[in-house]
Amino acid sequence: MRTAPVLTCAGTLALALTSSLAVAAPAAADDPLRAFHEQEVVWSPCEEHLLRDVECAWIDVPLDYADPGGERASIAISRNRASDPERRRGILLTNPGGPGGTGRQMAVGDRPDHGFSSLGAQRVAEVYDVIGMDPRGSGASTPYLDCGAHYPVTDPRPADDALSGHTRAVIAAQRACESAHGGLIPHMTTESTARDMDVIRAALGEEQISYLGRSYGTYLGAVYGSLFPQRLDRSVLDAAVPPEGMWRDVFTLQSEGDRANVERYTAWVAEHDDVYGLGSTPEEVLAVFEETRARLVDRPRYDQWPDDPEPWIFTADHFDSQVGYGARFQEDWGPSTAVLWYIVNDLPYPEVEWPEEPEWPEEPEWPDPGIDYDNVSLMMAVLCEAEWPTRLSDYYADVREVRERSPYGVGAIWHVPQPCTFASHTPAPLVELEREGYPRGLVIGGEYDANTVYEGAERMADRLDNALITVTDEGDHTFYGREGMDCVTAAVDAYLVDGVPPRDTRCAGRPRSEDPLDPQEEMGGAARVLDAGPLRDPLWAGPISFGGSDGGHRFP
């Protein structure tokens, strides 16, 4: 558990919790949450390097909303005040996704050193106080969840003889988490976080909030609106999950997303057979990929990057991940295929011109308490808010089907048993999602987004009767404020900032590579692909990796 020194915004009154420390929460007879709603919020400059241009505070909330007089949790929040106070229209509460992702960085202005896709430089920051928060269990919030166990992940197409070993690993991980935090796990739910959001609203003196959530944050926003419809004004759900099927069905859809991307990618490669020589039809290209993978099973590839002291091993699992991951980003199909050409032909990469690191302005020294910005332990807990199938034979049958149908990218990683398969507690019923009593909002979905597939955005928009922004021919994940997504950003700004009623809109994704990249003549443009995560780590584009880019992780 975390203790007070890790809370990194000075001047607050929040105390860190441990499982053995309870703080009595005063309650009024007429309103058990009155003390929380009327608490004093103390803002002060954030001390963390990445958050230095926003204010930070903590909000006390009940650990268990069924027992508001019991233990408290403390939610770390940030604030970027509206830059045009005369036009201020309230607060915009945000969530970056996960579950397990921290959110205070979403209030930060765009800077080259913070590495997050934040909202501080967007038009919304003119008229809203942008509020970021580290959800309970993560970041600087307390109690902090740390199961002391890694999330077990299998290969994209695991062999039958690996399934029992993986199953034992997930059982051990779940038991370790329950041993460390058995009393906390039932309170680490989306519903509890949504209720925390409403305490934040009240404590900040706001009658309503507007909301922008990404990925998993779309589910969080829909839950909030279902619980507190009179308290939600404008809402944007960016890269939405489906409104049902929590959580296994949501994740297993990712393999279908990868399969759709591989289909459109191999068709493009076949169109350029004169350059790559990998096949003149998608079927021929896939056959070459399968031959390459079989060779890598028997004889992995050894590569060495500039400045790396030792060579590293590129395996068949790396190859599966690289094909599936590269297939998503149509603007890089040229350099991605040039890299694959060297792997397919079992040739060493040529010397490439690596981009020079830009010279950033000199920064002062700032304290960095080392807070994790993505908490896999919290993800393990949140996923257990829903019931998971328990029959192992059904999981194993799914694996056998998926490793044949969708072997590239995430493959069968989510189809194997997961830690929550063996959760000992019975979860409470999930909140029924509906939009009854708050204004029509926006849902955004990418046509080939493999993290949260487009079908989920369609279903969420239909369930809530929200307008839908469709990003066509696009495999990336999350869209508002992103480079190359001006159409999406303009539509969201028109709604959130200008009050234009939301309507169904189609926005083109980033354009496909127009010309192939001849791997034997012009490899300079492939440097960023060579340095991409899947080439180094087969799980980088898998379900537990947050790093690299907004499209790199495979949490919703």
Protein backbone atom coordinates (compact mmCIF):
# COMPACT_ATOMS: atom_id res chain seq x y z
CA MET A 1 0.00 0.00 0.00
CA ARG A 2 1.02 3.55 -0.55
CA THR A 3 1.77 5.89 2.29
CA ALA A 4 1.51 9.65 2.54
CA PRO A 5 4.92 10.58 1.04
CA VAL A 6 3.94 9.30 -2.42
CA LEU A 7 1.08 11.77 -2.72
CA THR A 8 2.71 14.38 -4.84
CA CYS A 9 0.57 17.50 -4.72
CA ALA A 10 1.49 19.65 -1.75
CA GLY A 11 -0.90 21.21 0.72
CA THR A 12 -3.73 18.68 0.68
CA LEU A 13 -5.42 17.21 3.71
CA ALA A 14 -5.71 13.69 2.27
CA LEU A 15 -4.19 10.79 4.17
CA ALA A 16 -3.03 7.59 2.52
CA LEU A 17 -4.88 4.45 3.44
CA THR A 18 -3.64 1.04 4.25
CA SER A 19 -5.83 -2.00 4.58
CA SER A 20 -5.40 -1.78 8.34
CA LEU A 21 -6.13 1.97 8.68
CA ALA A 22 -9.70 3.23 8.76
CA VAL A 23 -10.73 6.85 8.88
CA ALA A 24 -14.17 7.57 10.24
CA ALA A 25 -16.29 9.55 7.77
CA PRO A 26 -18.77 11.90 9.41
CA ALA A 27 -22.23 11.58 7.95
CA ALA A 28 -25.43 13.52 8.21
CA ALA A 29 -28.62 11.63 8.89
CA ASP A 30 -30.40 13.16 5.93
CA ASP A 31 -27.57 12.66 3.43
CA PRO A 32 -24.87 10.07 4.14
CA LEU A 33 -22.61 11.70 1.52
CA ARG A 34 -23.05 15.26 2.73
CA ALA A 35 -19.65 15.44 4.40
CA PHE A 36 -18.02 14.30 1.15
CA HIS A 37 -20.01 16.70 -1.01
CA GLU A 38 -19.21 19.67 1.23
CA GLN A 39 -15.54 18.93 1.88
CA GLU A 40 -12.99 21.67 1.39
CA VAL A 41 -10.83 21.17 -1.70
CA VAL A 42 -7.29 22.51 -1.34
CA TRP A 43 -5.54 23.18 -4.65
CA SER A 44 -1.81 23.64 -5.00
CA PRO A 45 0.76 23.35 -7.80
CA CYS A 46 1.54 19.77 -8.70
CA GLU A 47 5.06 18.74 -7.81
CA GLU A 48 5.40 15.99 -10.39
CA HIS A 49 7.47 16.84 -13.42
CA LEU A 50 4.86 15.65 -15.90
CA LEU A 51 2.06 17.58 -14.19
CA ARG A 52 3.87 20.77 -13.35
CA ASP A 53 1.59 23.13 -15.30
CA VAL A 54 -1.65 22.09 -13.58
CA GLU A 55 -3.02 22.23 -10.04
CA CYS A 56 -3.53 19.14 -7.92
CA ALA A 57 -5.79 18.21 -5.02
CA TRP A 58 -7.32 15.16 -3.35
CA ILE A 59 -10.98 14.36 -2.87
CA ASP A 60 -12.08 12.08 -0.03
CA VAL A 61 -14.66 9.45 -1.02
CA PRO A 62 -16.14 6.41 0.73
CA LEU A 63 -14.21 3.25 0.03
CA ASP A 64 -17.55 1.43 0.15
CA TYR A 65 -20.58 3.46 -0.89
CA ALA A 66 -22.80 1.05 0.99
CA ASP A 67 -20.96 2.11 4.14
CA PRO A 68 -20.11 5.82 3.75
CA GLY A 69 -19.25 6.07 7.45
CA GLY A 70 -16.49 3.51 7.07
CA GLU A 71 -13.07 3.69 5.49
CA ARG A 72 -12.25 6.42 3.03
CA ALA A 73 -10.34 6.48 -0.20
CA SER A 74 -8.60 9.57 -1.56
CA ILE A 75 -8.83 10.43 -5.25
CA ALA A 76 -5.99 12.46 -6.77
CA ILE A 77 -7.23 15.01 -9.30
CA SER A 78 -5.73 17.75 -11.45
CA ARG A 79 -7.19 20.94 -12.87
CA ASN A 80 -6.35 23.05 -15.89
CA ARG A 81 -8.46 26.20 -15.53
CA ALA A 82 -10.41 27.49 -18.53
CA SER A 83 -8.19 29.86 -20.46
CA ASP A 84 -11.16 32.10 -21.32
CA PRO A 85 -12.91 32.59 -17.95
CA GLU A 86 -15.66 34.76 -19.43
CA ARG A 87 -16.80 31.86 -21.59
CA ARG A 88 -16.32 29.19 -18.93
CA ARG A 89 -19.11 26.62 -18.97
CA GLY A 90 -18.06 24.35 -16.12
CA ILE A 91 -15.78 21.34 -15.72
CA LEU A 92 -14.85 18.65 -18.22
CA LEU A 93 -14.07 15.48 -16.32
CA THR A 94 -11.91 13.01 -18.22
CA ASN A 95 -10.65 9.45 -18.27
CA PRO A 96 -7.89 8.04 -20.53
CA GLY A 97 -8.92 4.37 -20.56
CA GLY A 98 -7.54 1.19 -19.11
CA PRO A 99 -8.92 0.02 -16.83
CA GLY A 100 -5.84 0.88 -14.83
CA GLY A 101 -4.75 4.02 -16.65
CA THR A 102 -4.19 7.13 -14.57
CA GLY A 103 -5.83 10.33 -15.71
CA ARG A 104 -4.36 13.42 -14.09
CA GLN A 105 -2.10 13.90 -17.13
CA MET A 106 -5.17 14.48 -19.32
CA ALA A 107 -5.46 18.04 -18.00
CA VAL A 108 -1.90 18.89 -19.02
CA GLY A 109 -1.14 21.06 -22.02
CA ASP A 110 0.61 19.38 -24.94
CA ARG A 111 4.35 19.29 -24.32
CA PRO A 112 6.94 17.14 -26.10
CA ASP A 113 8.18 15.64 -22.84
CA HIS A 114 5.07 14.36 -21.16
CA GLY A 115 4.31 11.59 -23.63
CA PHE A 116 0.55 11.60 -23.12
CA SER A 117 -2.29 12.61 -25.39
CA SER A 118 -3.78 15.29 -23.14
CA LEU A 119 -6.46 17.93 -23.53
CA GLY A 120 -4.80 21.08 -22.23
CA ALA A 121 -3.95 22.34 -25.71
CA GLN A 122 -7.34 21.57 -27.26
CA ARG A 123 -10.17 24.06 -27.73
CA VAL A 124 -12.07 22.50 -24.84
CA ALA A 125 -9.46 23.99 -22.50
CA GLU A 126 -10.70 27.47 -23.44
CA VAL A 127 -14.14 27.05 -21.90
CA TYR A 128 -13.82 24.17 -19.44
CA ASP A 129 -11.78 23.55 -16.37
CA VAL A 130 -10.30 20.26 -17.57
CA ILE A 131 -10.24 17.81 -14.66
CA GLY A 132 -8.05 14.74 -14.71
CA MET A 133 -8.17 12.03 -12.08
CA ASP A 134 -6.27 8.95 -11.05
CA PRO A 135 -9.07 6.43 -10.49
CA ARG A 136 -9.21 4.69 -7.14
CA GLY A 137 -6.45 2.12 -6.91
CA SER A 138 -4.09 3.91 -9.32
CA GLY A 139 -1.51 6.67 -9.53
CA ALA A 140 -1.47 9.01 -6.55
CA SER A 141 -4.91 7.93 -5.33
CA THR A 142 -5.18 5.80 -2.25
CA PRO A 143 -5.50 3.00 -1.49
CA TYR A 144 -3.12 1.95 -4.25
CA LEU A 145 -3.55 -1.55 -5.62
CA ASP A 146 -0.39 -3.63 -6.00
CA CYS A 147 -0.99 -7.35 -6.26
CA GLY A 148 2.71 -8.14 -6.39
CA ALA A 149 2.10 -10.41 -9.39
CA HIS A 150 2.50 -10.01 -13.14
CA TYR A 151 -0.49 -10.47 -15.42
CA PRO A 152 0.14 -13.80 -17.16
CA VAL A 153 -0.01 -13.55 -20.94
CA THR A 154 0.25 -16.39 -23.40
CA ASP A 155 1.41 -16.38 -27.02
CA PRO A 156 -0.92 -15.21 -29.80
CA ARG A 157 -1.42 -18.85 -30.87
CA PRO A 158 -0.57 -21.04 -27.87
CA ALA A 159 -0.05 -24.75 -28.36
CA ASP A 160 -2.31 -27.20 -26.55
CA ASP A 161 0.49 -28.31 -24.26
CA ALA A 162 0.97 -24.70 -23.05
CA LEU A 163 -2.62 -24.19 -21.91
CA SER A 164 -2.45 -26.02 -18.61
CA GLY A 165 0.71 -24.14 -17.61
CA HIS A 166 -0.90 -20.82 -18.47
CA THR A 167 -3.99 -21.78 -16.48
CA ARG A 168 -1.86 -22.50 -13.42
CA ALA A 169 -0.16 -19.12 -13.86
CA VAL A 170 -3.42 -17.17 -13.91
CA ILE A 171 -4.70 -19.06 -10.87
CA ALA A 172 -1.53 -18.11 -9.01
CA ALA A 173 -1.86 -14.46 -10.10
CA GLN A 174 -5.47 -14.24 -8.95
CA ARG A 175 -4.69 -15.87 -5.62
CA ALA A 176 -1.79 -13.47 -5.07
CA CYS A 177 -4.03 -10.48 -5.80
CA GLU A 178 -6.75 -11.71 -3.49
CA SER A 179 -4.23 -12.47 -0.78
CA ALA A 180 -2.83 -8.94 -1.02
CA HIS A 181 -6.09 -7.04 -1.51
CA GLY A 182 -9.03 -9.39 -1.03
CA GLY A 183 -10.94 -6.76 0.94
CA LEU A 184 -10.34 -4.02 -1.61
CA ILE A 185 -11.01 -5.81 -4.90
CA PRO A 186 -14.85 -5.71 -4.60
CA HIS A 187 -14.63 -1.90 -4.30
CA MET A 188 -12.41 -1.42 -7.37
CA THR A 189 -15.26 -1.26 -9.86
CA THR A 190 -16.45 1.03 -12.61
CA GLU A 191 -19.56 1.85 -10.59
CA SER A 192 -17.49 2.93 -7.59
CA THR A 193 -15.31 5.12 -9.82
CA ALA A 194 -18.44 6.69 -11.36
CA ARG A 195 -19.69 7.48 -7.87
CA ASP A 196 -16.29 9.01 -7.09
CA MET A 197 -16.80 11.26 -10.12
CA ASP A 198 -20.04 12.56 -8.64
CA VAL A 199 -18.38 13.31 -5.32
CA ILE A 200 -15.71 15.23 -7.25
CA ARG A 201 -18.47 17.17 -9.02
CA ALA A 202 -20.19 18.11 -5.77
CA ALA A 203 -16.97 18.92 -3.92
CA LEU A 204 -15.99 21.30 -6.74
CA GLY A 205 -19.34 23.08 -6.39
CA GLU A 206 -20.70 22.10 -9.81
CA GLU A 207 -24.31 21.25 -10.57
CA GLN A 208 -23.27 19.23 -13.62
CA ILE A 209 -20.20 17.90 -15.37
CA SER A 210 -19.36 17.44 -19.01
CA TYR A 211 -17.30 14.37 -19.79
CA LEU A 212 -14.76 13.04 -22.27
CA GLY A 213 -13.68 9.43 -21.89
CA ARG A 214 -11.44 7.34 -24.07
CA SER A 215 -11.56 3.59 -24.57
CA TYR A 216 -12.48 1.99 -21.21
CA GLY A 217 -13.39 5.54 -20.17
CA THR A 218 -16.37 5.34 -22.55
CA TYR A 219 -17.89 2.62 -20.38
CA LEU A 220 -17.15 4.68 -17.27
CA GLY A 221 -18.93 7.68 -18.80
CA ALA A 222 -21.95 5.60 -19.79
CA VAL A 223 -22.16 4.20 -16.26
CA TYR A 224 -21.97 7.70 -14.79
CA GLY A 225 -24.77 8.94 -17.03
CA SER A 226 -26.92 5.94 -16.10
CA LEU A 227 -26.41 6.56 -12.37
CA PHE A 228 -26.55 10.36 -12.38
CA PRO A 229 -28.45 11.47 -15.50
CA GLN A 230 -29.38 14.88 -14.08
CA ARG A 231 -25.71 15.59 -13.37
CA LEU A 232 -24.35 14.95 -16.88
CA ASP A 233 -24.35 17.67 -19.52
CA ARG A 234 -22.33 17.08 -22.70
CA SER A 235 -20.52 13.79 -23.17
CA VAL A 236 -18.06 12.33 -25.67
CA LEU A 237 -17.19 8.62 -25.73
CA ASP A 238 -14.05 8.24 -27.84
CA ALA A 239 -13.27 4.72 -29.17
CA ALA A 240 -16.25 3.21 -27.41
CA VAL A 241 -16.57 -0.28 -26.02
CA PRO A 242 -19.83 -2.15 -26.57
CA PRO A 243 -22.49 -1.61 -23.89
CA GLU A 244 -22.63 -5.27 -22.95
CA GLY A 245 -20.37 -8.32 -22.76
CA MET A 246 -18.22 -7.09 -19.89
CA TRP A 247 -15.50 -8.03 -19.87
CA ARG A 248 -14.51 -11.18 -21.71
CA ASP A 249 -16.56 -10.52 -24.84
CA VAL A 250 -15.14 -7.00 -25.11
CA PHE A 251 -11.58 -8.29 -25.15
CA THR A 252 -12.06 -11.34 -27.32
CA LEU A 253 -13.42 -9.08 -30.07
CA GLN A 254 -9.88 -7.77 -30.50
CA SER A 255 -8.79 -10.83 -32.45
CA GLU A 256 -11.54 -10.14 -34.98
CA GLY A 257 -10.34 -6.56 -35.23
CA ASP A 258 -6.84 -7.76 -36.04
CA ARG A 259 -8.16 -10.23 -38.59
CA ALA A 260 -10.03 -7.47 -40.44
CA ASN A 261 -6.88 -5.36 -40.54
CA VAL A 262 -4.75 -8.23 -41.84
CA GLU A 263 -7.29 -8.80 -44.62
CA ARG A 264 -7.09 -5.22 -45.88
CA TYR A 265 -3.33 -5.10 -45.41
CA THR A 266 -2.54 -8.31 -47.31
CA ALA A 267 -4.74 -7.07 -50.17
CA TRP A 268 -2.56 -3.92 -50.32
CA VAL A 269 0.66 -5.98 -50.25
CA ALA A 270 -0.66 -8.16 -53.08
CA GLU A 271 -1.35 -5.04 -55.15
CA HIS A 272 2.37 -4.24 -54.90
CA ASP A 273 3.75 -7.69 -55.65
CA ASP A 274 6.01 -6.12 -58.29
CA VAL A 275 7.92 -4.40 -55.45
CA TYR A 276 7.74 -6.85 -52.57
CA GLY A 277 7.38 -10.21 -54.29
CA LEU A 278 5.31 -11.58 -51.40
CA GLY A 279 2.38 -12.78 -53.50
CA SER A 280 -0.12 -11.42 -55.99
CA THR A 281 -3.19 -12.33 -53.93
CA PRO A 282 -3.96 -11.96 -50.22
CA GLU A 283 -3.95 -15.75 -49.91
CA GLU A 284 -0.46 -15.97 -51.39
CA VAL A 285 0.81 -13.25 -49.05
CA LEU A 286 -0.61 -15.09 -46.03
CA ALA A 287 1.01 -18.32 -47.22
CA VAL A 288 4.39 -16.55 -47.33
CA PHE A 289 3.80 -15.19 -43.82
CA GLU A 290 2.98 -18.69 -42.57
CA GLU A 291 6.13 -20.10 -44.14
CA THR A 292 8.15 -17.36 -42.49
CA ARG A 293 6.60 -18.02 -39.12
CA ALA A 294 7.31 -21.76 -39.41
CA ARG A 295 10.96 -20.99 -40.12
CA LEU A 296 11.14 -18.68 -37.09
CA VAL A 297 9.73 -21.44 -34.87
CA ASP A 298 12.67 -23.66 -35.82
CA ARG A 299 15.25 -20.92 -36.19
CA PRO A 300 14.60 -17.56 -34.50
CA ARG A 301 16.19 -14.46 -35.92
CA TYR A 302 18.96 -12.59 -34.11
CA ASP A 303 19.02 -8.82 -34.46
CA GLN A 304 20.99 -6.02 -32.93
CA TRP A 305 19.94 -2.38 -32.74
CA PRO A 306 22.28 0.61 -32.60
CA ASP A 307 23.52 1.17 -29.04
CA ASP A 308 22.24 -2.25 -27.91
CA PRO A 309 25.08 -4.14 -26.21
CA GLU A 310 23.65 -7.57 -27.01
CA PRO A 311 21.65 -9.03 -29.88
CA TRP A 312 18.07 -9.95 -29.14
CA ILE A 313 15.95 -12.80 -30.42
CA PHE A 314 13.10 -12.23 -32.86
CA THR A 315 10.73 -15.20 -32.61
CA ALA A 316 7.63 -16.48 -34.34
CA ASP A 317 5.56 -14.73 -31.64
CA HIS A 318 7.27 -11.44 -32.48
CA PHE A 319 6.35 -12.03 -36.10
CA ASP A 320 2.68 -12.71 -35.30
CA SER A 321 2.50 -9.51 -33.28
CA GLN A 322 4.36 -7.43 -35.87
CA VAL A 323 2.13 -8.51 -38.76
CA GLY A 324 -1.06 -7.85 -36.80
CA TYR A 325 0.12 -4.59 -35.31
CA GLY A 326 1.57 -3.18 -38.54
CA ALA A 327 -1.60 -4.09 -40.42
CA ARG A 328 -3.55 -1.56 -38.37
CA PHE A 329 -1.71 1.57 -39.47
CA GLN A 330 -2.39 2.09 -43.16
CA GLU A 331 -0.28 5.24 -43.37
CA ASP A 332 2.81 3.12 -42.58
CA TRP A 333 2.10 0.08 -44.73
CA GLY A 334 4.99 0.98 -47.04
CA PRO A 335 7.74 0.99 -44.38
CA SER A 336 6.09 -1.84 -42.42
CA THR A 337 6.17 -4.10 -45.46
CA ALA A 338 9.75 -3.13 -46.23
CA VAL A 339 10.73 -4.32 -42.75
CA LEU A 340 8.79 -7.56 -43.16
CA TRP A 341 10.53 -8.13 -46.50
CA TYR A 342 13.87 -8.53 -44.69
CA ILE A 343 12.32 -10.91 -42.17
CA VAL A 344 10.61 -12.99 -44.85
CA ASN A 345 13.83 -13.22 -46.88
CA ASP A 346 15.91 -13.89 -43.77
CA LEU A 347 18.26 -11.01 -44.51
CA PRO A 348 19.91 -8.59 -42.06
CA TYR A 349 18.43 -5.13 -41.94
CA PRO A 350 20.39 -2.53 -43.89
CA GLU A 351 21.87 0.50 -42.24
CA VAL A 352 19.15 3.11 -41.85
CA GLU A 353 19.24 6.74 -40.94
CA TRP A 354 17.82 6.91 -37.43
CA PRO A 355 16.03 10.17 -36.67
CA GLU A 356 17.94 12.49 -34.41
CA GLU A 357 16.49 13.28 -31.03
CA PRO A 358 15.12 16.84 -31.11
CA GLU A 359 16.65 19.33 -28.75
CA TRP A 360 14.02 20.12 -26.15
CA PRO A 361 14.26 23.28 -24.04
CA GLU A 362 16.32 22.75 -20.92
CA GLU A 363 14.08 21.71 -18.04
CA PRO A 364 14.54 22.49 -14.37
CA GLU A 365 14.91 19.63 -11.94
CA TRP A 366 11.55 18.46 -10.65
CA PRO A 367 10.83 15.79 -8.09
CA ASP A 368 9.58 12.55 -9.59
CA PRO A 369 8.07 10.16 -7.07
CA GLY A 370 7.94 7.35 -9.61
CA ILE A 371 4.18 6.94 -9.74
CA ASP A 372 3.06 4.29 -12.22
CA TYR A 373 0.83 5.73 -14.92
CA ASP A 374 -0.70 2.38 -15.78
CA ASN A 375 -1.67 -0.11 -13.08
CA VAL A 376 -2.14 -3.69 -14.24
CA SER A 377 -3.17 -4.73 -10.73
CA LEU A 378 -6.11 -2.35 -10.89
CA MET A 379 -7.02 -3.75 -14.28
CA MET A 380 -7.09 -7.24 -12.77
CA ALA A 381 -9.49 -6.01 -10.10
CA VAL A 382 -11.82 -4.05 -12.39
CA LEU A 383 -12.15 -6.93 -14.85
CA CYS A 384 -13.44 -9.04 -11.97
CA GLU A 385 -16.44 -6.73 -11.55
CA ALA A 386 -18.15 -8.99 -14.09
CA GLU A 387 -18.63 -12.73 -14.11
CA TRP A 388 -16.32 -14.79 -16.33
CA PRO A 389 -17.02 -18.27 -17.71
CA THR A 390 -15.60 -21.02 -15.52
CA ARG A 391 -15.56 -24.08 -17.83
CA LEU A 392 -11.96 -24.52 -18.98
CA SER A 393 -12.89 -26.71 -21.92
CA ASP A 394 -14.81 -23.79 -23.46
CA TYR A 395 -11.76 -21.54 -23.21
CA TYR A 396 -9.54 -24.16 -24.76
CA ALA A 397 -11.99 -24.76 -27.62
CA ASP A 398 -12.03 -21.02 -28.32
CA VAL A 399 -8.22 -20.97 -28.43
CA ARG A 400 -8.09 -23.73 -31.01
CA GLU A 401 -10.56 -21.89 -33.23
CA VAL A 402 -9.00 -18.44 -32.91
CA ARG A 403 -5.39 -19.49 -33.49
CA GLU A 404 -6.50 -20.77 -36.89
CA ARG A 405 -8.91 -17.96 -37.76
CA SER A 406 -7.09 -14.91 -36.34
CA PRO A 407 -3.49 -15.82 -35.50
CA TYR A 408 -1.87 -12.42 -36.13
CA GLY A 409 -1.82 -9.59 -33.64
CA VAL A 410 -3.44 -10.34 -30.30
CA GLY A 411 -4.53 -13.79 -31.49
CA ALA A 412 -5.87 -16.02 -28.73
CA ILE A 413 -4.33 -14.04 -25.88
CA TRP A 414 -7.73 -13.04 -24.50
CA HIS A 415 -9.38 -16.39 -25.27
CA VAL A 416 -7.32 -18.35 -22.74
CA PRO A 417 -8.43 -18.44 -19.08
CA GLN A 418 -7.81 -15.13 -17.31
CA PRO A 419 -7.24 -14.41 -13.60
CA CYS A 420 -10.89 -13.40 -13.17
CA THR A 421 -11.90 -16.86 -14.33
CA PHE A 422 -10.87 -17.95 -10.84
CA ALA A 423 -12.13 -14.99 -8.77
CA SER A 424 -13.45 -16.08 -5.40
CA HIS A 425 -15.95 -13.26 -4.87
CA THR A 426 -19.34 -12.97 -6.55
CA PRO A 427 -19.56 -9.61 -8.30
CA ALA A 428 -22.51 -7.29 -7.81
CA PRO A 429 -24.81 -6.77 -10.81
CA LEU A 430 -23.44 -4.31 -13.36
CA VAL A 431 -25.16 -0.98 -13.97
CA GLU A 432 -27.71 -1.19 -16.76
CA LEU A 433 -26.68 1.38 -19.35
CA GLU A 434 -29.29 3.85 -20.54
CA ARG A 435 -29.62 7.49 -21.49
CA GLU A 436 -32.64 8.77 -19.69
CA GLY A 437 -32.49 12.36 -18.51
CA TYR A 438 -29.29 13.77 -19.97
CA PRO A 439 -28.57 15.36 -23.38
CA ARG A 440 -27.68 13.42 -26.49
CA GLY A 441 -23.92 12.99 -26.78
CA LEU A 442 -21.25 11.79 -29.19
CA VAL A 443 -19.73 8.33 -29.67
CA ILE A 444 -16.60 7.89 -31.79
CA GLY A 445 -15.50 4.66 -33.45
CA GLY A 446 -12.70 3.75 -35.85
CA GLU A 447 -13.69 1.40 -38.64
CA TYR A 448 -10.66 -0.86 -38.06
CA ASP A 449 -9.78 -0.05 -34.46
CA ALA A 450 -8.68 -3.40 -33.03
CA ASN A 451 -8.62 -2.29 -29.37
CA THR A 452 -12.30 -1.40 -29.30
CA VAL A 453 -13.83 -2.65 -32.51
CA TYR A 454 -16.18 -0.46 -34.52
CA GLU A 455 -19.11 -2.76 -33.81
CA GLY A 456 -18.84 -1.75 -30.15
CA ALA A 457 -19.13 1.95 -30.98
CA GLU A 458 -22.18 1.26 -33.13
CA ARG A 459 -23.82 -0.68 -30.33
CA MET A 460 -22.98 1.94 -27.71
CA ALA A 461 -24.37 4.74 -29.89
CA ASP A 462 -27.52 2.72 -30.49
CA ARG A 463 -27.98 1.87 -26.79
CA LEU A 464 -27.66 5.51 -25.71
CA ASP A 465 -29.25 7.00 -28.85
CA ASN A 466 -26.12 9.11 -29.27
CA ALA A 467 -24.71 10.48 -32.49
CA LEU A 468 -21.87 8.44 -34.00
CA ILE A 469 -18.66 9.74 -35.57
CA THR A 470 -17.29 7.03 -37.85
CA VAL A 471 -13.58 7.25 -38.70
CA THR A 472 -13.38 5.39 -41.99
CA ASP A 473 -10.51 3.13 -43.09
CA GLU A 474 -8.62 3.73 -39.85
CA GLY A 475 -7.00 1.17 -37.53
CA ASP A 476 -5.73 3.44 -34.77
CA HIS A 477 -7.28 3.78 -31.32
CA THR A 478 -8.78 7.00 -29.86
CA PHE A 479 -9.20 9.98 -32.13
CA TYR A 480 -10.09 13.33 -30.60
CA GLY A 481 -7.15 15.74 -30.64
CA ARG A 482 -4.89 13.27 -32.40
CA GLU A 483 -2.62 14.10 -35.33
CA GLY A 484 -4.39 13.55 -38.65
CA MET A 485 -7.83 13.58 -37.01
CA ASP A 486 -8.82 17.19 -37.71
CA CYS A 487 -12.30 16.20 -38.87
CA VAL A 488 -13.02 14.36 -35.62
CA THR A 489 -11.55 17.13 -33.49
CA ALA A 490 -13.58 19.80 -35.29
CA ALA A 491 -16.83 17.85 -34.80
CA VAL A 492 -16.16 17.28 -31.11
CA ASP A 493 -15.17 20.90 -30.54
CA ALA A 494 -18.27 22.14 -32.34
CA TYR A 495 -20.35 20.10 -29.89
CA LEU A 496 -18.45 20.55 -26.62
CA VAL A 497 -17.34 24.15 -27.11
CA ASP A 498 -19.86 25.73 -29.49
CA GLY A 499 -22.95 23.75 -28.54
CA VAL A 500 -23.69 22.47 -32.05
CA PRO A 501 -26.17 19.58 -31.68
CA PRO A 502 -24.40 16.25 -32.21
CA ARG A 503 -25.08 14.42 -35.46
CA ASP A 504 -23.85 11.34 -37.24
CA THR A 505 -20.63 12.16 -39.08
CA ARG A 506 -18.13 10.31 -41.24
CA CYS A 507 -14.49 11.37 -41.05
CA ALA A 508 -11.74 9.92 -43.22
CA GLY A 509 -8.88 8.20 -41.42
CA ARG A 510 -5.26 8.80 -42.26
CA PRO A 511 -4.58 8.09 -45.95
CA ARG A 512 -3.09 4.75 -46.93
CA SER A 513 0.48 4.52 -48.14
CA GLU A 514 0.20 5.58 -51.76
CA ASP A 515 3.51 4.18 -52.95
CA PRO A 516 5.31 1.04 -51.80
CA LEU A 517 8.71 1.44 -50.18
CA ASP A 518 11.34 -0.54 -52.05
CA PRO A 519 13.18 -2.37 -49.26
CA GLN A 520 16.37 -2.64 -51.31
CA GLU A 521 16.57 1.03 -52.23
CA GLU A 522 14.93 3.31 -49.66
CA MET A 523 14.79 2.10 -46.09
CA GLY A 524 15.20 5.47 -44.40
CA GLY A 525 11.47 5.85 -43.88
CA ALA A 526 11.33 2.51 -42.09
CA ALA A 527 13.40 3.57 -39.08
CA ARG A 528 10.39 4.21 -36.87
CA VAL A 529 8.92 0.82 -37.82
CA LEU A 530 12.22 -0.92 -37.06
CA ASP A 531 12.14 0.71 -33.65
CA ALA A 532 8.53 -0.26 -32.96
CA GLY A 533 7.67 -2.33 -29.94
CA PRO A 534 6.50 -5.62 -31.53
CA LEU A 535 9.89 -6.11 -33.17
CA ARG A 536 11.48 -6.09 -29.72
CA ASP A 537 8.73 -7.49 -27.51
CA PRO A 538 5.93 -9.70 -28.82
CA LEU A 539 3.62 -8.56 -26.03
CA TRP A 540 4.16 -4.85 -26.67
CA ALA A 541 1.12 -4.84 -28.91
CA GLY A 542 -0.63 -7.34 -26.70
CA PRO A 543 -3.12 -6.85 -23.90
CA ILE A 544 -0.90 -5.70 -21.04
CA SER A 545 1.32 -3.16 -22.75
CA PHE A 546 0.49 0.52 -22.45
CA GLY A 547 3.69 1.83 -24.00
CA GLY A 548 4.79 3.26 -27.28
CA SER A 549 1.80 5.03 -28.76
CA ASP A 550 -1.88 5.50 -28.15
CA GLY A 551 -2.49 2.53 -30.41
CA GLY A 552 0.10 0.34 -28.75
CA HIS A 553 -1.71 -0.97 -25.75
CA ARG A 554 -4.54 -3.45 -26.00
CA PHE A 555 -6.66 -2.44 -23.07
CA PRO A 556 -9.85 -0.74 -24.14
